[in-house]
Amino acid sequence: VVLSPAYQWYGWEVRMYSLTPLLAGFTTYLL
């Protein structure tokens, strides 16, 4: 995740692209 160019690119954008996987991982963990 640290080295991923995709997460690097979309982490800059003012869009929901970095919030979505964070919430997906968190909710999956709780489940």
PDB file of all heavy atoms in Angstrom:
ATOM      1  N   VAL A   1       0.840  -1.208   0.000  1.00  0.00           N
ATOM      2  CA  VAL A   1       0.000   0.000   0.000  1.00  0.00           C
ATOM      3  C   VAL A   1       0.869   1.250   0.000  1.00  0.00           C
ATOM      4  O   VAL A   1       0.579   2.228  -0.697  1.00  0.00           O
ATOM      5  CB  VAL A   1      -0.956  -0.014   1.208  1.00  0.00           C
ATOM      6  CG1 VAL A   1      -1.695   1.315   1.330  1.00  0.00           C
ATOM      7  CG2 VAL A   1      -1.958  -1.147   1.074  1.00  0.00           C
ATOM      8  N   VAL A   2       1.953   1.217   0.775  1.00  0.00           N
ATOM      9  CA  VAL A   2       2.851   2.369   0.821  1.00  0.00           C
ATOM     10  C   VAL A   2       3.445   2.658  -0.552  1.00  0.00           C
ATOM     11  O   VAL A   2       3.537   3.806  -0.993  1.00  0.00           O
ATOM     12  CB  VAL A   2       3.976   2.132   1.853  1.00  0.00           C
ATOM     13  CG1 VAL A   2       5.011   3.251   1.791  1.00  0.00           C
ATOM     14  CG2 VAL A   2       3.392   2.049   3.254  1.00  0.00           C
ATOM     15  N   LEU A   3       3.844   1.617  -1.269  1.00  0.00           N
ATOM     16  CA  LEU A   3       4.543   1.778  -2.536  1.00  0.00           C
ATOM     17  C   LEU A   3       3.613   1.806  -3.746  1.00  0.00           C
ATOM     18  O   LEU A   3       4.090   1.979  -4.869  1.00  0.00           O
ATOM     19  CB  LEU A   3       5.559   0.632  -2.713  1.00  0.00           C
ATOM     20  CG  LEU A   3       6.619   0.508  -1.615  1.00  0.00           C
ATOM     21  CD1 LEU A   3       7.525  -0.688  -1.885  1.00  0.00           C
ATOM     22  CD2 LEU A   3       7.431   1.789  -1.499  1.00  0.00           C
ATOM     23  N   SER A   4       2.332   1.624  -3.534  1.00  0.00           N
ATOM     24  CA  SER A   4       1.397   1.539  -4.658  1.00  0.00           C
ATOM     25  C   SER A   4       1.254   2.882  -5.375  1.00  0.00           C
ATOM     26  O   SER A   4       0.854   3.887  -4.758  1.00  0.00           O
ATOM     27  CB  SER A   4       0.021   1.086  -4.158  1.00  0.00           C
ATOM     28  OG  SER A   4      -0.939   1.185  -5.186  1.00  0.00           O
ATOM     29  N   PRO A   5       1.545   2.965  -6.681  1.00  0.00           N
ATOM     30  CA  PRO A   5       1.334   4.219  -7.423  1.00  0.00           C
ATOM     31  C   PRO A   5      -0.139   4.624  -7.482  1.00  0.00           C
ATOM     32  O   PRO A   5      -0.456   5.816  -7.504  1.00  0.00           O
ATOM     33  CB  PRO A   5       1.886   3.897  -8.816  1.00  0.00           C
ATOM     34  CG  PRO A   5       2.781   2.716  -8.623  1.00  0.00           C
ATOM     35  CD  PRO A   5       2.179   1.932  -7.514  1.00  0.00           C
ATOM     36  N   ALA A   6      -1.029   3.630  -7.499  1.00  0.00           N
ATOM     37  CA  ALA A   6      -2.458   3.946  -7.572  1.00  0.00           C
ATOM     38  C   ALA A   6      -2.922   4.677  -6.311  1.00  0.00           C
ATOM     39  O   ALA A   6      -3.614   5.703  -6.394  1.00  0.00           O
ATOM     40  CB  ALA A   6      -3.260   2.658  -7.763  1.00  0.00           C
ATOM     41  N   TYR A   7      -2.540   4.152  -5.155  1.00  0.00           N
ATOM     42  CA  TYR A   7      -2.928   4.819  -3.912  1.00  0.00           C
ATOM     43  C   TYR A   7      -2.227   6.168  -3.769  1.00  0.00           C
ATOM     44  O   TYR A   7      -2.763   7.106  -3.156  1.00  0.00           O
ATOM     45  CB  TYR A   7      -2.621   3.938  -2.711  1.00  0.00           C
ATOM     46  CG  TYR A   7      -3.591   2.795  -2.542  1.00  0.00           C
ATOM     47  CD1 TYR A   7      -3.164   1.474  -2.564  1.00  0.00           C
ATOM     48  CD2 TYR A   7      -4.948   3.042  -2.362  1.00  0.00           C
ATOM     49  CE1 TYR A   7      -4.053   0.429  -2.422  1.00  0.00           C
ATOM     50  CE2 TYR A   7      -5.848   2.006  -2.213  1.00  0.00           C
ATOM     51  CZ  TYR A   7      -5.396   0.705  -2.247  1.00  0.00           C
ATOM     52  OH  TYR A   7      -6.285  -0.322  -2.108  1.00  0.00           O
ATOM     53  N   GLN A   8      -1.031   6.256  -4.317  1.00  0.00           N
ATOM     54  CA  GLN A   8      -0.330   7.540  -4.300  1.00  0.00           C
ATOM     55  C   GLN A   8      -1.089   8.570  -5.129  1.00  0.00           C
ATOM     56  O   GLN A   8      -1.291   9.711  -4.700  1.00  0.00           O
ATOM     57  CB  GLN A   8       1.097   7.358  -4.852  1.00  0.00           C
ATOM     58  CG  GLN A   8       1.867   8.646  -5.075  1.00  0.00           C
ATOM     59  CD  GLN A   8       2.252   9.315  -3.773  1.00  0.00           C
ATOM     60  OE1 GLN A   8       2.199   8.692  -2.725  1.00  0.00           O
ATOM     61  NE2 GLN A   8       2.628  10.576  -3.831  1.00  0.00           N
ATOM     62  N   TRP A   9      -1.528   8.189  -6.297  1.00  0.00           N
ATOM     63  CA  TRP A   9      -2.210   9.121  -7.191  1.00  0.00           C
ATOM     64  C   TRP A   9      -3.587   9.509  -6.654  1.00  0.00           C
ATOM     65  O   TRP A   9      -3.923  10.689  -6.555  1.00  0.00           O
ATOM     66  CB  TRP A   9      -2.329   8.501  -8.583  1.00  0.00           C
ATOM     67  CG  TRP A   9      -3.028   9.385  -9.568  1.00  0.00           C
ATOM     68  CD1 TRP A   9      -4.360   9.394  -9.879  1.00  0.00           C
ATOM     69  CD2 TRP A   9      -2.442  10.425 -10.363  1.00  0.00           C
ATOM     70  NE1 TRP A   9      -4.644  10.349 -10.807  1.00  0.00           N
ATOM     71  CE2 TRP A   9      -3.476  11.002 -11.127  1.00  0.00           C
ATOM     72  CE3 TRP A   9      -1.147  10.915 -10.500  1.00  0.00           C
ATOM     73  CZ2 TRP A   9      -3.250  12.047 -12.010  1.00  0.00           C
ATOM     74  CZ3 TRP A   9      -0.921  11.948 -11.389  1.00  0.00           C
ATOM     75  CH2 TRP A   9      -1.963  12.498 -12.126  1.00  0.00           C
ATOM     76  N   TYR A  10      -4.373   8.506  -6.328  1.00  0.00           N
ATOM     77  CA  TYR A  10      -5.741   8.793  -5.900  1.00  0.00           C
ATOM     78  C   TYR A  10      -5.792   9.362  -4.484  1.00  0.00           C
ATOM     79  O   TYR A  10      -6.817   9.951  -4.095  1.00  0.00           O
ATOM     80  CB  TYR A  10      -6.597   7.530  -6.000  1.00  0.00           C
ATOM     81  CG  TYR A  10      -6.889   7.138  -7.420  1.00  0.00           C
ATOM     82  CD1 TYR A  10      -6.304   6.011  -7.991  1.00  0.00           C
ATOM     83  CD2 TYR A  10      -7.740   7.914  -8.217  1.00  0.00           C
ATOM     84  CE1 TYR A  10      -6.560   5.658  -9.309  1.00  0.00           C
ATOM     85  CE2 TYR A  10      -7.992   7.572  -9.527  1.00  0.00           C
ATOM     86  CZ  TYR A  10      -7.407   6.445 -10.076  1.00  0.00           C
ATOM     87  OH  TYR A  10      -7.657   6.106 -11.381  1.00  0.00           O
ATOM     88  N   GLY A  11      -4.729   9.191  -3.715  1.00  0.00           N
ATOM     89  CA  GLY A  11      -4.698   9.834  -2.406  1.00  0.00           C
ATOM     90  C   GLY A  11      -4.609  11.337  -2.493  1.00  0.00           C
ATOM     91  O   GLY A  11      -4.941  12.040  -1.531  1.00  0.00           O
ATOM     92  N   TRP A  12      -4.163  11.862  -3.640  1.00  0.00           N
ATOM     93  CA  TRP A  12      -4.084  13.304  -3.825  1.00  0.00           C
ATOM     94  C   TRP A  12      -5.423  13.923  -4.211  1.00  0.00           C
ATOM     95  O   TRP A  12      -5.622  15.127  -4.047  1.00  0.00           O
ATOM     96  CB  TRP A  12      -3.071  13.632  -4.926  1.00  0.00           C
ATOM     97  CG  TRP A  12      -1.650  13.624  -4.477  1.00  0.00           C
ATOM     98  CD1 TRP A  12      -1.172  13.917  -3.241  1.00  0.00           C
ATOM     99  CD2 TRP A  12      -0.514  13.296  -5.275  1.00  0.00           C
ATOM    100  NE1 TRP A  12       0.189  13.797  -3.207  1.00  0.00           N
ATOM    101  CE2 TRP A  12       0.627  13.416  -4.442  1.00  0.00           C
ATOM    102  CE3 TRP A  12      -0.334  12.909  -6.607  1.00  0.00           C
ATOM    103  CZ2 TRP A  12       1.913  13.167  -4.908  1.00  0.00           C
ATOM    104  CZ3 TRP A  12       0.946  12.664  -7.055  1.00  0.00           C
ATOM    105  CH2 TRP A  12       2.057  12.795  -6.213  1.00  0.00           C
ATOM    106  N   GLU A  13      -6.308  13.137  -4.758  1.00  0.00           N
ATOM    107  CA  GLU A  13      -7.512  13.708  -5.370  1.00  0.00           C
ATOM    108  C   GLU A  13      -8.569  14.041  -4.328  1.00  0.00           C
ATOM    109  O   GLU A  13      -8.743  13.332  -3.337  1.00  0.00           O
ATOM    110  CB  GLU A  13      -8.084  12.741  -6.407  1.00  0.00           C
ATOM    111  CG  GLU A  13      -7.152  12.522  -7.586  1.00  0.00           C
ATOM    112  CD  GLU A  13      -7.889  12.080  -8.819  1.00  0.00           C
ATOM    113  OE1 GLU A  13      -9.113  11.848  -8.742  1.00  0.00           O
ATOM    114  OE2 GLU A  13      -7.252  11.983  -9.886  1.00  0.00           O
ATOM    115  N   VAL A  14      -9.273  15.108  -4.593  1.00  0.00           N
ATOM    116  CA  VAL A  14     -10.381  15.522  -3.723  1.00  0.00           C
ATOM    117  C   VAL A  14     -11.621  14.744  -4.145  1.00  0.00           C
ATOM    118  O   VAL A  14     -12.615  15.297  -4.634  1.00  0.00           O
ATOM    119  CB  VAL A  14     -10.621  17.043  -3.815  1.00  0.00           C
ATOM    120  CG1 VAL A  14     -11.631  17.492  -2.749  1.00  0.00           C
ATOM    121  CG2 VAL A  14      -9.323  17.803  -3.636  1.00  0.00           C
ATOM    122  N   ARG A  15     -11.511  13.444  -3.988  1.00  0.00           N
ATOM    123  CA  ARG A  15     -12.597  12.524  -4.309  1.00  0.00           C
ATOM    124  C   ARG A  15     -12.623  11.439  -3.225  1.00  0.00           C
ATOM    125  O   ARG A  15     -11.800  11.412  -2.312  1.00  0.00           O
ATOM    126  CB  ARG A  15     -12.408  11.897  -5.687  1.00  0.00           C
ATOM    127  CG  ARG A  15     -12.412  12.889  -6.829  1.00  0.00           C
ATOM    128  CD  ARG A  15     -13.765  13.547  -7.016  1.00  0.00           C
ATOM    129  NE  ARG A  15     -14.733  12.640  -7.624  1.00  0.00           N
ATOM    130  CZ  ARG A  15     -16.022  12.942  -7.773  1.00  0.00           C
ATOM    131  NH1 ARG A  15     -16.499  14.091  -7.306  1.00  0.00           N
ATOM    132  NH2 ARG A  15     -16.833  12.097  -8.358  1.00  0.00           N
ATOM    133  N   MET A  16     -13.554  10.526  -3.379  1.00  0.00           N
ATOM    134  CA  MET A  16     -13.763   9.504  -2.346  1.00  0.00           C
ATOM    135  C   MET A  16     -12.898   8.261  -2.529  1.00  0.00           C
ATOM    136  O   MET A  16     -13.068   7.262  -1.835  1.00  0.00           O
ATOM    137  CB  MET A  16     -15.240   9.088  -2.322  1.00  0.00           C
ATOM    138  CG  MET A  16     -15.724   8.312  -3.540  1.00  0.00           C
ATOM    139  SD  MET A  16     -15.796   9.279  -5.057  1.00  0.00           S
ATOM    140  CE  MET A  16     -16.974  10.552  -4.627  1.00  0.00           C
ATOM    141  N   TYR A  17     -11.909   8.322  -3.410  1.00  0.00           N
ATOM    142  CA  TYR A  17     -11.170   7.122  -3.789  1.00  0.00           C
ATOM    143  C   TYR A  17     -10.290   6.573  -2.668  1.00  0.00           C
ATOM    144  O   TYR A  17      -9.965   5.383  -2.674  1.00  0.00           O
ATOM    145  CB  TYR A  17     -10.316   7.402  -5.025  1.00  0.00           C
ATOM    146  CG  TYR A  17     -11.096   7.964  -6.184  1.00  0.00           C
ATOM    147  CD1 TYR A  17     -10.632   9.077  -6.884  1.00  0.00           C
ATOM    148  CD2 TYR A  17     -12.313   7.400  -6.560  1.00  0.00           C
ATOM    149  CE1 TYR A  17     -11.352   9.606  -7.940  1.00  0.00           C
ATOM    150  CE2 TYR A  17     -13.040   7.934  -7.615  1.00  0.00           C
ATOM    151  CZ  TYR A  17     -12.556   9.031  -8.303  1.00  0.00           C
ATOM    152  OH  TYR A  17     -13.280   9.549  -9.337  1.00  0.00           O
ATOM    153  N   SER A  18      -9.844   7.375  -1.745  1.00  0.00           N
ATOM    154  CA  SER A  18      -9.044   6.853  -0.624  1.00  0.00           C
ATOM    155  C   SER A  18      -9.903   6.555   0.604  1.00  0.00           C
ATOM    156  O   SER A  18      -9.535   5.700   1.421  1.00  0.00           O
ATOM    157  CB  SER A  18      -7.934   7.848  -0.256  1.00  0.00           C
ATOM    158  OG  SER A  18      -8.480   9.106   0.086  1.00  0.00           O
ATOM    159  N   LEU A  19     -11.035   7.222   0.739  1.00  0.00           N
ATOM    160  CA  LEU A  19     -11.929   6.935   1.866  1.00  0.00           C
ATOM    161  C   LEU A  19     -12.623   5.582   1.693  1.00  0.00           C
ATOM    162  O   LEU A  19     -12.817   4.853   2.667  1.00  0.00           O
ATOM    163  CB  LEU A  19     -12.967   8.046   2.005  1.00  0.00           C
ATOM    164  CG  LEU A  19     -14.033   7.846   3.092  1.00  0.00           C
ATOM    165  CD1 LEU A  19     -13.388   7.828   4.470  1.00  0.00           C
ATOM    166  CD2 LEU A  19     -15.096   8.938   3.012  1.00  0.00           C
ATOM    167  N   THR A  20     -12.964   5.246   0.447  1.00  0.00           N
ATOM    168  CA  THR A  20     -13.708   4.006   0.194  1.00  0.00           C
ATOM    169  C   THR A  20     -12.948   2.756   0.632  1.00  0.00           C
ATOM    170  O   THR A  20     -13.496   1.925   1.374  1.00  0.00           O
ATOM    171  CB  THR A  20     -14.094   3.915  -1.287  1.00  0.00           C
ATOM    172  OG1 THR A  20     -14.909   5.040  -1.633  1.00  0.00           O
ATOM    173  CG2 THR A  20     -14.856   2.635  -1.571  1.00  0.00           C
ATOM    174  N   PRO A  21     -11.678   2.547   0.209  1.00  0.00           N
ATOM    175  CA  PRO A  21     -10.984   1.340   0.690  1.00  0.00           C
ATOM    176  C   PRO A  21     -10.723   1.351   2.193  1.00  0.00           C
ATOM    177  O   PRO A  21     -10.696   0.284   2.817  1.00  0.00           O
ATOM    178  CB  PRO A  21      -9.674   1.351  -0.111  1.00  0.00           C
ATOM    179  CG  PRO A  21      -9.492   2.759  -0.545  1.00  0.00           C
ATOM    180  CD  PRO A  21     -10.855   3.302  -0.748  1.00  0.00           C
ATOM    181  N   LEU A  22     -10.544   2.534   2.779  1.00  0.00           N
ATOM    182  CA  LEU A  22     -10.346   2.604   4.226  1.00  0.00           C
ATOM    183  C   LEU A  22     -11.586   2.107   4.962  1.00  0.00           C
ATOM    184  O   LEU A  22     -11.501   1.291   5.881  1.00  0.00           O
ATOM    185  CB  LEU A  22     -10.017   4.034   4.639  1.00  0.00           C
ATOM    186  CG  LEU A  22      -9.829   4.271   6.141  1.00  0.00           C
ATOM    187  CD1 LEU A  22      -8.626   3.495   6.674  1.00  0.00           C
ATOM    188  CD2 LEU A  22      -9.674   5.763   6.435  1.00  0.00           C
ATOM    189  N   LEU A  23     -12.755   2.581   4.545  1.00  0.00           N
ATOM    190  CA  LEU A  23     -13.997   2.136   5.183  1.00  0.00           C
ATOM    191  C   LEU A  23     -14.283   0.673   4.879  1.00  0.00           C
ATOM    192  O   LEU A  23     -14.813  -0.051   5.726  1.00  0.00           O
ATOM    193  CB  LEU A  23     -15.165   3.014   4.717  1.00  0.00           C
ATOM    194  CG  LEU A  23     -15.136   4.469   5.173  1.00  0.00           C
ATOM    195  CD1 LEU A  23     -16.357   5.214   4.626  1.00  0.00           C
ATOM    196  CD2 LEU A  23     -15.090   4.569   6.689  1.00  0.00           C
ATOM    197  N   ALA A  24     -13.929   0.226   3.669  1.00  0.00           N
ATOM    198  CA  ALA A  24     -14.150  -1.182   3.312  1.00  0.00           C
ATOM    199  C   ALA A  24     -13.318  -2.098   4.202  1.00  0.00           C
ATOM    200  O   ALA A  24     -13.819  -3.120   4.706  1.00  0.00           O
ATOM    201  CB  ALA A  24     -13.807  -1.403   1.842  1.00  0.00           C
ATOM    202  N   GLY A  25     -12.053  -1.736   4.410  1.00  0.00           N
ATOM    203  CA  GLY A  25     -11.210  -2.545   5.286  1.00  0.00           C
ATOM    204  C   GLY A  25     -11.685  -2.527   6.728  1.00  0.00           C
ATOM    205  O   GLY A  25     -11.698  -3.565   7.402  1.00  0.00           O
ATOM    206  N   PHE A  26     -12.101  -1.360   7.193  1.00  0.00           N
ATOM    207  CA  PHE A  26     -12.547  -1.235   8.579  1.00  0.00           C
ATOM    208  C   PHE A  26     -13.824  -2.035   8.830  1.00  0.00           C
ATOM    209  O   PHE A  26     -13.934  -2.775   9.820  1.00  0.00           O
ATOM    210  CB  PHE A  26     -12.765   0.235   8.913  1.00  0.00           C
ATOM    211  CG  PHE A  26     -13.195   0.486  10.331  1.00  0.00           C
ATOM    212  CD1 PHE A  26     -12.346   0.221  11.390  1.00  0.00           C
ATOM    213  CD2 PHE A  26     -14.459   0.979  10.597  1.00  0.00           C
ATOM    214  CE1 PHE A  26     -12.752   0.439  12.706  1.00  0.00           C
ATOM    215  CE2 PHE A  26     -14.871   1.213  11.903  1.00  0.00           C
ATOM    216  CZ  PHE A  26     -14.013   0.936  12.954  1.00  0.00           C
ATOM    217  N   THR A  27     -14.800  -1.914   7.934  1.00  0.00           N
ATOM    218  CA  THR A  27     -16.059  -2.634   8.123  1.00  0.00           C
ATOM    219  C   THR A  27     -15.864  -4.144   7.961  1.00  0.00           C
ATOM    220  O   THR A  27     -16.499  -4.931   8.660  1.00  0.00           O
ATOM    221  CB  THR A  27     -17.115  -2.134   7.127  1.00  0.00           C
ATOM    222  OG1 THR A  27     -16.579  -2.188   5.783  1.00  0.00           O
ATOM    223  CG2 THR A  27     -17.508  -0.701   7.432  1.00  0.00           C
ATOM    224  N   THR A  28     -14.975  -4.550   7.054  1.00  0.00           N
ATOM    225  CA  THR A  28     -14.694  -5.980   6.910  1.00  0.00           C
ATOM    226  C   THR A  28     -14.053  -6.532   8.173  1.00  0.00           C
ATOM    227  O   THR A  28     -14.383  -7.633   8.631  1.00  0.00           O
ATOM    228  CB  THR A  28     -13.776  -6.235   5.706  1.00  0.00           C
ATOM    229  OG1 THR A  28     -14.392  -5.703   4.523  1.00  0.00           O
ATOM    230  CG2 THR A  28     -13.521  -7.717   5.510  1.00  0.00           C
ATOM    231  N   TYR A  29     -13.145  -5.774   8.746  1.00  0.00           N
ATOM    232  CA  TYR A  29     -12.502  -6.190   9.991  1.00  0.00           C
ATOM    233  C   TYR A  29     -13.536  -6.348  11.109  1.00  0.00           C
ATOM    234  O   TYR A  29     -13.513  -7.332  11.855  1.00  0.00           O
ATOM    235  CB  TYR A  29     -11.434  -5.181  10.381  1.00  0.00           C
ATOM    236  CG  TYR A  29     -10.772  -5.458  11.700  1.00  0.00           C
ATOM    237  CD1 TYR A  29      -9.800  -6.448  11.812  1.00  0.00           C
ATOM    238  CD2 TYR A  29     -11.104  -4.727  12.844  1.00  0.00           C
ATOM    239  CE1 TYR A  29      -9.190  -6.714  13.035  1.00  0.00           C
ATOM    240  CE2 TYR A  29     -10.494  -4.995  14.055  1.00  0.00           C
ATOM    241  CZ  TYR A  29      -9.535  -5.982  14.141  1.00  0.00           C
ATOM    242  OH  TYR A  29      -8.937  -6.247  15.342  1.00  0.00           O
ATOM    243  N   LEU A  30     -14.437  -5.383  11.232  1.00  0.00           N
ATOM    244  CA  LEU A  30     -15.475  -5.482  12.259  1.00  0.00           C
ATOM    245  C   LEU A  30     -16.391  -6.670  12.015  1.00  0.00           C
ATOM    246  O   LEU A  30     -16.814  -7.347  12.962  1.00  0.00           O
ATOM    247  CB  LEU A  30     -16.294  -4.186  12.290  1.00  0.00           C
ATOM    248  CG  LEU A  30     -15.565  -2.920  12.757  1.00  0.00           C
ATOM    249  CD1 LEU A  30     -16.520  -1.731  12.739  1.00  0.00           C
ATOM    250  CD2 LEU A  30     -14.965  -3.104  14.144  1.00  0.00           C
ATOM    251  N   LEU A  31     -16.685  -6.946  10.742  1.00  0.00           N
ATOM    252  CA  LEU A  31     -17.552  -8.080  10.421  1.00  0.00           C
ATOM    253  C   LEU A  31     -16.882  -9.399  10.801  1.00  0.00           C
ATOM    254  O   LEU A  31     -17.523 -10.282  11.387  1.00  0.00           O
ATOM    255  CB  LEU A  31     -17.885  -8.066   8.931  1.00  0.00           C
ATOM    256  CG  LEU A  31     -18.747  -9.234   8.428  1.00  0.00           C
ATOM    257  CD1 LEU A  31     -20.106  -9.226   9.101  1.00  0.00           C
ATOM    258  CD2 LEU A  31     -18.901  -9.176   6.910  1.00  0.00           C
TER     259      LEU A  31
END
